[in-house]
N, C-alpha and C. Protein backbone atom coordinates (compact mmCIF):
# COMPACT_ATOMS: atom_id res chain seq x y z
N MET A 1 0.83 -1.31 -0.34
CA MET A 1 -0.25 -0.01 0.29
C MET A 1 0.99 1.46 -0.15
N SER A 2 0.28 2.07 -0.89
CA SER A 2 1.35 3.50 -0.92
C SER A 2 1.09 4.57 0.50
N GLU A 3 2.21 4.75 0.32
CA GLU A 3 1.96 5.97 1.71
C GLU A 3 2.53 7.38 1.33
N ARG A 4 2.46 8.28 2.27
CA ARG A 4 2.91 9.55 2.18
C ARG A 4 3.61 9.77 3.31
N THR A 5 4.58 10.46 3.48
CA THR A 5 5.39 10.91 4.77
C THR A 5 5.89 12.25 4.50
N LEU A 6 6.47 12.96 5.41
CA LEU A 6 6.96 14.37 5.68
C LEU A 6 8.70 13.99 5.77
N VAL A 7 9.45 14.63 5.14
CA VAL A 7 10.93 14.40 5.36
C VAL A 7 11.25 15.85 5.20
N LEU A 8 12.14 16.35 6.26
CA LEU A 8 12.79 17.19 6.45
C LEU A 8 14.49 17.24 6.14
N LEU A 9 14.94 18.26 5.79
CA LEU A 9 16.49 17.97 5.69
C LEU A 9 16.75 19.38 6.10
N LYS A 10 16.92 18.87 7.29
CA LYS A 10 17.52 20.13 8.74
C LYS A 10 18.43 21.17 8.05
N PRO A 11 18.45 22.11 8.82
CA PRO A 11 19.51 23.36 8.53
C PRO A 11 21.11 22.96 8.17
N ASP A 12 21.75 22.15 9.39
CA ASP A 12 22.81 21.32 8.59
C ASP A 12 23.03 20.65 7.34
N ALA A 13 21.95 20.08 7.17
CA ALA A 13 22.34 19.46 5.98
C ALA A 13 22.37 20.53 4.62
N VAL A 14 21.30 21.43 4.90
CA VAL A 14 21.35 22.41 3.85
C VAL A 14 22.76 23.25 3.86
N ARG A 15 23.27 23.85 5.19
CA ARG A 15 24.71 24.26 5.02
C ARG A 15 25.62 23.62 4.69
N ARG A 16 25.47 22.24 4.86
CA ARG A 16 26.71 21.61 4.64
C ARG A 16 26.74 20.74 2.96
N GLY A 17 25.77 21.15 2.16
CA GLY A 17 25.74 21.14 0.81
C GLY A 17 24.98 19.59 0.53
N LEU A 18 24.12 19.00 1.40
CA LEU A 18 23.93 17.79 1.35
C LEU A 18 22.73 17.50 0.81
N ILE A 19 21.92 18.32 0.38
CA ILE A 19 20.37 18.05 -0.36
C ILE A 19 20.30 17.35 -1.35
N GLY A 20 21.42 17.33 -2.17
CA GLY A 20 21.13 16.71 -3.49
C GLY A 20 21.50 15.22 -3.28
N GLU A 21 22.75 14.82 -2.15
CA GLU A 21 22.99 13.55 -1.71
C GLU A 21 22.18 13.01 -1.15
N ILE A 22 21.41 13.47 -0.15
CA ILE A 22 20.04 12.90 0.34
C ILE A 22 18.68 12.66 0.01
N THR A 23 18.75 13.68 -1.19
CA THR A 23 17.18 13.78 -1.70
C THR A 23 17.81 12.42 -3.18
N GLY A 24 18.76 12.36 -3.34
CA GLY A 24 19.34 11.23 -4.46
C GLY A 24 19.00 9.86 -3.65
N ARG A 25 19.33 10.06 -2.44
CA ARG A 25 19.37 8.57 -1.96
C ARG A 25 17.69 8.08 -1.55
N ILE A 26 16.92 9.35 -1.53
CA ILE A 26 15.43 9.33 -1.49
C ILE A 26 14.99 8.75 -2.81
N GLU A 27 15.30 9.21 -3.87
CA GLU A 27 14.79 9.14 -4.81
C GLU A 27 15.23 7.87 -5.56
N SER A 28 16.35 7.23 -5.27
CA SER A 28 16.98 5.97 -6.08
C SER A 28 16.37 4.66 -5.59
N LYS A 29 15.59 5.00 -4.40
CA LYS A 29 14.32 3.82 -4.62
C LYS A 29 13.62 3.61 -5.21
N SER A 30 13.21 2.39 -5.87
CA SER A 30 12.47 2.34 -7.41
C SER A 30 11.08 2.93 -7.27
N ASP A 31 10.34 2.26 -6.09
CA ASP A 31 9.03 2.91 -5.83
C ASP A 31 8.69 4.17 -5.13
N TRP A 32 9.68 4.83 -4.74
CA TRP A 32 9.42 6.47 -3.61
C TRP A 32 9.65 7.40 -4.98
N ALA A 33 8.64 8.44 -4.48
CA ALA A 33 8.54 9.96 -5.40
C ALA A 33 8.58 10.85 -4.57
N VAL A 34 9.77 11.75 -4.88
CA VAL A 34 9.18 13.22 -4.32
C VAL A 34 8.28 13.99 -4.77
N THR A 35 7.55 14.15 -4.02
CA THR A 35 5.75 14.91 -4.97
C THR A 35 5.78 16.14 -4.74
N ALA A 36 6.51 16.73 -3.66
CA ALA A 36 6.51 18.08 -3.33
C ALA A 36 8.09 18.38 -2.56
N LEU A 37 8.21 19.44 -3.03
CA LEU A 37 9.78 20.05 -2.33
C LEU A 37 9.89 21.51 -2.28
N GLU A 38 9.71 21.97 -1.20
CA GLU A 38 10.37 23.70 -0.95
C GLU A 38 11.80 23.79 0.02
N LEU A 39 12.33 24.74 -0.55
CA LEU A 39 13.61 25.02 0.24
C LEU A 39 12.93 26.66 1.43
N ARG A 40 12.79 26.28 2.73
CA ARG A 40 12.10 27.32 3.59
C ARG A 40 12.93 27.67 4.96
N THR A 41 12.94 28.58 5.43
CA THR A 41 13.36 28.92 6.73
C THR A 41 12.32 28.76 7.26
N LEU A 42 12.03 27.88 8.38
CA LEU A 42 10.82 27.49 9.06
C LEU A 42 10.69 28.56 10.28
N ASP A 43 9.64 29.30 10.56
CA ASP A 43 9.35 30.25 11.65
C ASP A 43 8.85 29.27 13.00
N ARG A 44 9.04 30.30 14.38
CA ARG A 44 8.86 29.70 15.05
C ARG A 44 7.68 28.75 15.68
N SER A 45 6.50 29.48 15.14
CA SER A 45 5.14 28.91 14.97
C SER A 45 5.11 27.58 14.61
N THR A 46 5.36 27.47 13.17
CA THR A 46 5.79 26.06 12.35
C THR A 46 6.27 25.08 13.62
N LEU A 47 7.29 25.44 13.97
CA LEU A 47 8.25 24.62 14.71
C LEU A 47 7.70 24.22 16.33
N GLU A 48 6.87 25.30 16.54
CA GLU A 48 6.19 24.82 17.87
C GLU A 48 4.98 23.89 17.87
N GLN A 49 4.36 23.77 16.63
CA GLN A 49 3.47 22.75 16.12
C GLN A 49 3.92 21.44 16.05
N HIS A 50 5.06 21.43 15.13
CA HIS A 50 5.69 20.35 14.82
C HIS A 50 6.38 19.61 16.12
N TYR A 51 7.16 20.27 17.00
CA TYR A 51 7.47 19.82 18.02
C TYR A 51 6.88 19.95 19.24
N ALA A 52 5.53 20.00 19.31
CA ALA A 52 4.49 20.06 20.39
C ALA A 52 4.58 19.07 21.72
N GLU A 53 5.09 17.87 21.02
CA GLU A 53 5.20 16.73 22.28
C GLU A 53 6.42 16.89 22.86
N HIS A 54 7.18 17.61 22.45
CA HIS A 54 8.58 18.00 23.61
C HIS A 54 8.67 19.04 24.20
N VAL A 55 7.48 19.90 23.93
CA VAL A 55 7.69 21.03 25.05
C VAL A 55 8.10 20.52 26.37
N GLY A 56 8.79 21.61 27.06
CA GLY A 56 9.31 21.36 28.34
C GLY A 56 10.25 20.08 28.47
N LYS A 57 10.86 19.46 27.55
CA LYS A 57 12.07 18.54 27.71
C LYS A 57 13.00 19.52 27.35
N PRO A 58 14.41 19.00 27.93
CA PRO A 58 15.77 19.89 27.95
C PRO A 58 16.05 20.19 26.61
N PHE A 59 16.01 19.48 25.80
CA PHE A 59 16.38 19.84 24.19
C PHE A 59 15.39 20.21 23.54
N TYR A 60 14.28 21.03 23.78
CA TYR A 60 13.20 21.45 23.25
C TYR A 60 13.76 23.07 23.02
N GLU A 61 14.03 23.77 23.37
CA GLU A 61 14.35 24.98 22.79
C GLU A 61 15.68 25.09 21.90
N PRO A 62 16.58 24.45 22.50
CA PRO A 62 17.68 23.87 21.16
C PRO A 62 17.46 23.98 20.13
N LEU A 63 16.56 22.70 19.74
CA LEU A 63 16.06 22.18 18.78
C LEU A 63 15.05 23.16 18.01
N VAL A 64 14.31 23.87 18.87
CA VAL A 64 13.74 24.75 17.88
C VAL A 64 14.81 26.17 17.27
N GLU A 65 15.53 26.30 18.18
CA GLU A 65 16.19 27.17 17.78
C GLU A 65 17.39 27.10 16.86
N PHE A 66 17.95 25.60 16.86
CA PHE A 66 18.70 25.35 15.70
C PHE A 66 17.86 25.07 14.46
N MET A 67 16.48 24.68 14.28
CA MET A 67 15.63 24.70 13.46
C MET A 67 15.14 25.78 12.64
N ALA A 68 15.50 26.95 13.44
CA ALA A 68 15.30 28.30 12.70
C ALA A 68 16.43 28.83 12.27
N SER A 69 17.50 28.18 12.64
CA SER A 69 18.83 28.52 12.50
C SER A 69 19.04 28.96 10.87
N GLY A 70 18.24 28.49 9.89
CA GLY A 70 18.61 28.86 8.64
C GLY A 70 17.68 27.70 7.62
N PRO A 71 18.02 27.89 6.34
CA PRO A 71 17.08 27.02 5.62
C PRO A 71 17.24 25.40 5.60
N SER A 72 15.70 25.05 5.81
CA SER A 72 15.32 23.52 5.59
C SER A 72 15.04 23.19 4.36
N VAL A 73 14.66 21.94 3.67
CA VAL A 73 14.30 21.27 2.59
C VAL A 73 12.99 20.64 3.35
N VAL A 74 12.04 20.88 2.97
CA VAL A 74 10.67 20.09 3.45
C VAL A 74 10.14 19.47 1.99
N MET A 75 9.82 18.27 2.17
CA MET A 75 8.82 17.50 1.12
C MET A 75 8.28 16.14 1.60
N VAL A 76 7.56 16.12 0.84
CA VAL A 76 6.73 15.07 0.69
C VAL A 76 7.00 13.94 -0.11
N VAL A 77 7.24 12.35 0.38
CA VAL A 77 7.63 11.76 -0.24
C VAL A 77 6.67 10.38 -0.32
N GLU A 78 6.61 9.81 -1.46
CA GLU A 78 5.21 8.74 -1.41
C GLU A 78 5.94 7.59 -1.90
N GLY A 79 4.98 6.22 -1.45
CA GLY A 79 5.72 5.07 -2.03
C GLY A 79 5.03 4.00 -0.91
N GLU A 80 5.55 2.93 -1.85
CA GLU A 80 5.45 1.65 -0.77
C GLU A 80 6.18 1.23 0.50
N ARG A 81 5.72 1.44 1.52
CA ARG A 81 6.46 1.46 2.99
C ARG A 81 7.39 2.57 2.99
N VAL A 82 7.04 3.68 2.44
CA VAL A 82 7.95 4.76 2.64
C VAL A 82 8.12 5.35 3.99
N ILE A 83 7.50 5.06 4.90
CA ILE A 83 7.56 5.85 6.44
C ILE A 83 8.36 4.83 7.15
N GLU A 84 8.30 3.85 7.18
CA GLU A 84 9.15 2.94 7.36
C GLU A 84 10.67 2.78 6.96
N GLY A 85 10.51 3.22 5.56
CA GLY A 85 11.66 3.23 4.82
C GLY A 85 12.75 4.18 4.79
N VAL A 86 12.29 5.62 4.97
CA VAL A 86 13.15 6.58 5.02
C VAL A 86 13.68 6.89 6.75
N ARG A 87 12.80 6.15 7.41
CA ARG A 87 13.23 6.26 8.97
C ARG A 87 14.62 4.92 8.98
N ALA A 88 14.51 4.16 8.06
CA ALA A 88 15.65 3.30 8.28
C ALA A 88 16.78 3.83 7.64
N LEU A 89 16.47 4.44 6.32
CA LEU A 89 17.81 5.20 5.23
C LEU A 89 18.13 6.39 6.13
N ALA A 90 17.46 7.19 7.16
CA ALA A 90 18.02 7.94 7.87
C ALA A 90 18.92 7.71 8.98
N GLY A 91 18.57 6.68 9.57
CA GLY A 91 19.30 6.18 10.95
C GLY A 91 19.09 6.39 12.09
N PRO A 92 19.49 6.00 13.17
CA PRO A 92 19.35 6.44 14.36
C PRO A 92 19.78 7.68 14.61
N THR A 93 19.03 8.71 15.52
CA THR A 93 19.24 9.88 15.77
C THR A 93 20.74 10.13 16.08
N ASP A 94 21.55 9.40 17.04
CA ASP A 94 22.86 9.41 17.35
C ASP A 94 23.50 8.88 16.13
N PRO A 95 24.28 9.70 15.61
CA PRO A 95 25.05 9.66 14.34
C PRO A 95 26.36 8.38 14.75
N ILE A 96 26.86 8.08 15.92
CA ILE A 96 27.36 7.25 16.32
C ILE A 96 26.96 5.71 16.29
N ALA A 97 25.72 5.56 16.46
CA ALA A 97 24.71 4.45 16.70
C ALA A 97 24.56 4.32 15.20
N ALA A 98 24.59 5.01 14.14
CA ALA A 98 23.67 5.03 13.10
C ALA A 98 25.06 4.35 12.20
N PRO A 99 24.03 3.36 11.49
CA PRO A 99 25.06 2.23 10.42
C PRO A 99 25.52 3.01 9.49
N PRO A 100 26.59 2.68 8.64
CA PRO A 100 27.32 3.20 7.53
C PRO A 100 25.93 2.59 6.61
N GLY A 101 26.16 3.66 5.73
CA GLY A 101 24.83 3.48 4.82
C GLY A 101 23.90 4.04 4.66
N SER A 102 23.79 4.51 6.04
CA SER A 102 22.35 5.53 6.69
C SER A 102 22.91 6.89 6.31
N ILE A 103 22.02 7.98 6.30
CA ILE A 103 22.37 9.29 6.14
C ILE A 103 22.99 9.50 7.39
N ARG A 104 22.63 9.28 8.28
CA ARG A 104 23.17 9.84 9.58
C ARG A 104 24.65 9.11 9.87
N GLY A 105 24.46 7.93 9.53
CA GLY A 105 25.76 7.13 10.11
C GLY A 105 26.96 7.80 8.71
N ASP A 106 26.63 8.04 7.61
CA ASP A 106 27.77 8.56 6.73
C ASP A 106 27.96 9.85 7.09
N PHE A 107 26.73 10.96 7.14
CA PHE A 107 27.14 12.39 7.45
C PHE A 107 26.76 12.98 8.62
N GLY A 108 26.25 12.14 9.74
CA GLY A 108 26.10 12.92 10.77
C GLY A 108 27.23 12.94 11.75
N THR A 109 26.94 14.25 12.97
CA THR A 109 28.47 14.53 13.60
C THR A 109 27.97 14.60 14.82
N ILE A 110 26.83 15.21 15.29
CA ILE A 110 26.10 15.19 16.45
C ILE A 110 24.61 15.03 16.74
N VAL A 111 24.33 14.73 17.96
CA VAL A 111 22.85 14.05 18.05
C VAL A 111 22.04 15.21 17.66
N ARG A 112 22.00 16.40 18.16
CA ARG A 112 21.03 17.18 17.76
C ARG A 112 20.90 17.73 16.45
N GLU A 113 21.98 18.45 15.60
CA GLU A 113 22.28 18.41 14.46
C GLU A 113 22.61 17.20 13.60
N ASN A 114 21.06 16.46 13.08
CA ASN A 114 20.97 15.06 12.70
C ASN A 114 20.31 15.18 10.99
N LEU A 115 20.72 16.16 10.59
CA LEU A 115 20.72 16.20 9.17
C LEU A 115 18.93 15.88 8.72
N ILE A 116 18.19 15.25 9.21
CA ILE A 116 16.85 14.84 8.71
C ILE A 116 15.86 14.48 9.90
N HIS A 117 14.85 14.75 9.28
CA HIS A 117 13.65 14.23 10.09
C HIS A 117 12.54 13.40 9.21
N ALA A 118 12.35 11.96 9.22
CA ALA A 118 11.08 11.63 8.91
C ALA A 118 10.03 11.08 9.68
N SER A 119 8.92 11.59 9.25
CA SER A 119 8.04 11.10 10.16
C SER A 119 7.87 9.36 10.45
N ASP A 120 7.47 9.21 11.93
CA ASP A 120 7.58 7.99 12.58
C ASP A 120 6.44 7.07 12.26
N SER A 121 5.00 7.49 12.00
CA SER A 121 3.88 6.45 11.56
C SER A 121 3.21 7.32 10.74
N GLU A 122 1.88 6.33 10.41
CA GLU A 122 0.93 7.07 9.40
C GLU A 122 0.34 8.29 9.97
N GLU A 123 0.14 8.41 11.31
CA GLU A 123 -0.70 9.52 12.08
C GLU A 123 0.16 10.47 11.92
N SER A 124 1.61 10.34 12.35
CA SER A 124 2.56 11.37 12.51
C SER A 124 2.77 12.02 11.42
N ALA A 125 3.00 11.12 10.20
CA ALA A 125 2.79 11.70 8.90
C ALA A 125 1.90 12.74 8.41
N ALA A 126 0.41 12.07 8.38
CA ALA A 126 -0.75 12.93 8.42
C ALA A 126 -0.59 14.13 9.23
N ARG A 127 -0.50 14.46 10.35
CA ARG A 127 -0.38 15.63 11.27
C ARG A 127 0.61 16.15 10.84
N GLU A 128 1.93 16.04 10.63
CA GLU A 128 3.01 16.78 10.27
C GLU A 128 3.17 17.41 8.89
N LEU A 129 2.51 16.77 7.67
CA LEU A 129 2.20 17.19 6.46
C LEU A 129 1.02 18.13 6.17
N LYS A 130 0.00 18.26 7.43
CA LYS A 130 -0.96 19.06 7.63
C LYS A 130 -0.27 20.57 7.94
N ILE A 131 0.71 20.09 8.90
CA ILE A 131 1.77 21.67 9.37
C ILE A 131 2.51 22.47 8.03
N PHE A 132 2.89 21.72 7.47
CA PHE A 132 3.98 21.87 6.53
C PHE A 132 3.49 22.25 5.03
N PHE A 133 2.44 21.24 4.71
CA PHE A 133 1.71 21.19 3.33
C PHE A 133 0.52 21.02 3.21
N PRO A 134 -0.25 22.14 4.31
CA PRO A 134 -2.00 22.58 4.36
C PRO A 134 -2.67 22.53 3.07
N ASP A 135 -1.86 22.64 2.12
CA ASP A 135 -2.83 22.30 0.66
C ASP A 135 -2.52 21.56 -0.12
N PHE A 136 -1.63 20.56 0.48
CA PHE A 136 -1.30 19.33 -0.35
C PHE A 136 -2.73 18.40 -0.62
N SER A 137 -2.95 18.12 -1.49
CA SER A 137 -3.69 16.93 -1.36
C SER A 137 -3.22 15.96 -2.29
């Protein structure tokens, strides 16, 4: 069954010139397609909606500040098992724990600036897509 997910290439990925590399890895999957893509500097209101579940946690404020620090790529990716697949392609949040071949394993340096976000479930994908692409159908 085809799915739709939100993928964010975070400010560190953009600053380091990894947009093409990371997007290429996603596009190389034969059944996945990038169906929307924009370069945006995310405002605090959008980030507060996106990270609402983390309010009050010690990493929340530094994370919001980091995500607002420069442009990010926001995209919709569609395909078979794309939610699970992009998460596996991204690798664990900690780049030291991320295996070689994953985005974070190959390019990650620190936990907070971890290059990529991908929705973790169908419910999260639906909620996140409404935040970043409210008019996308």
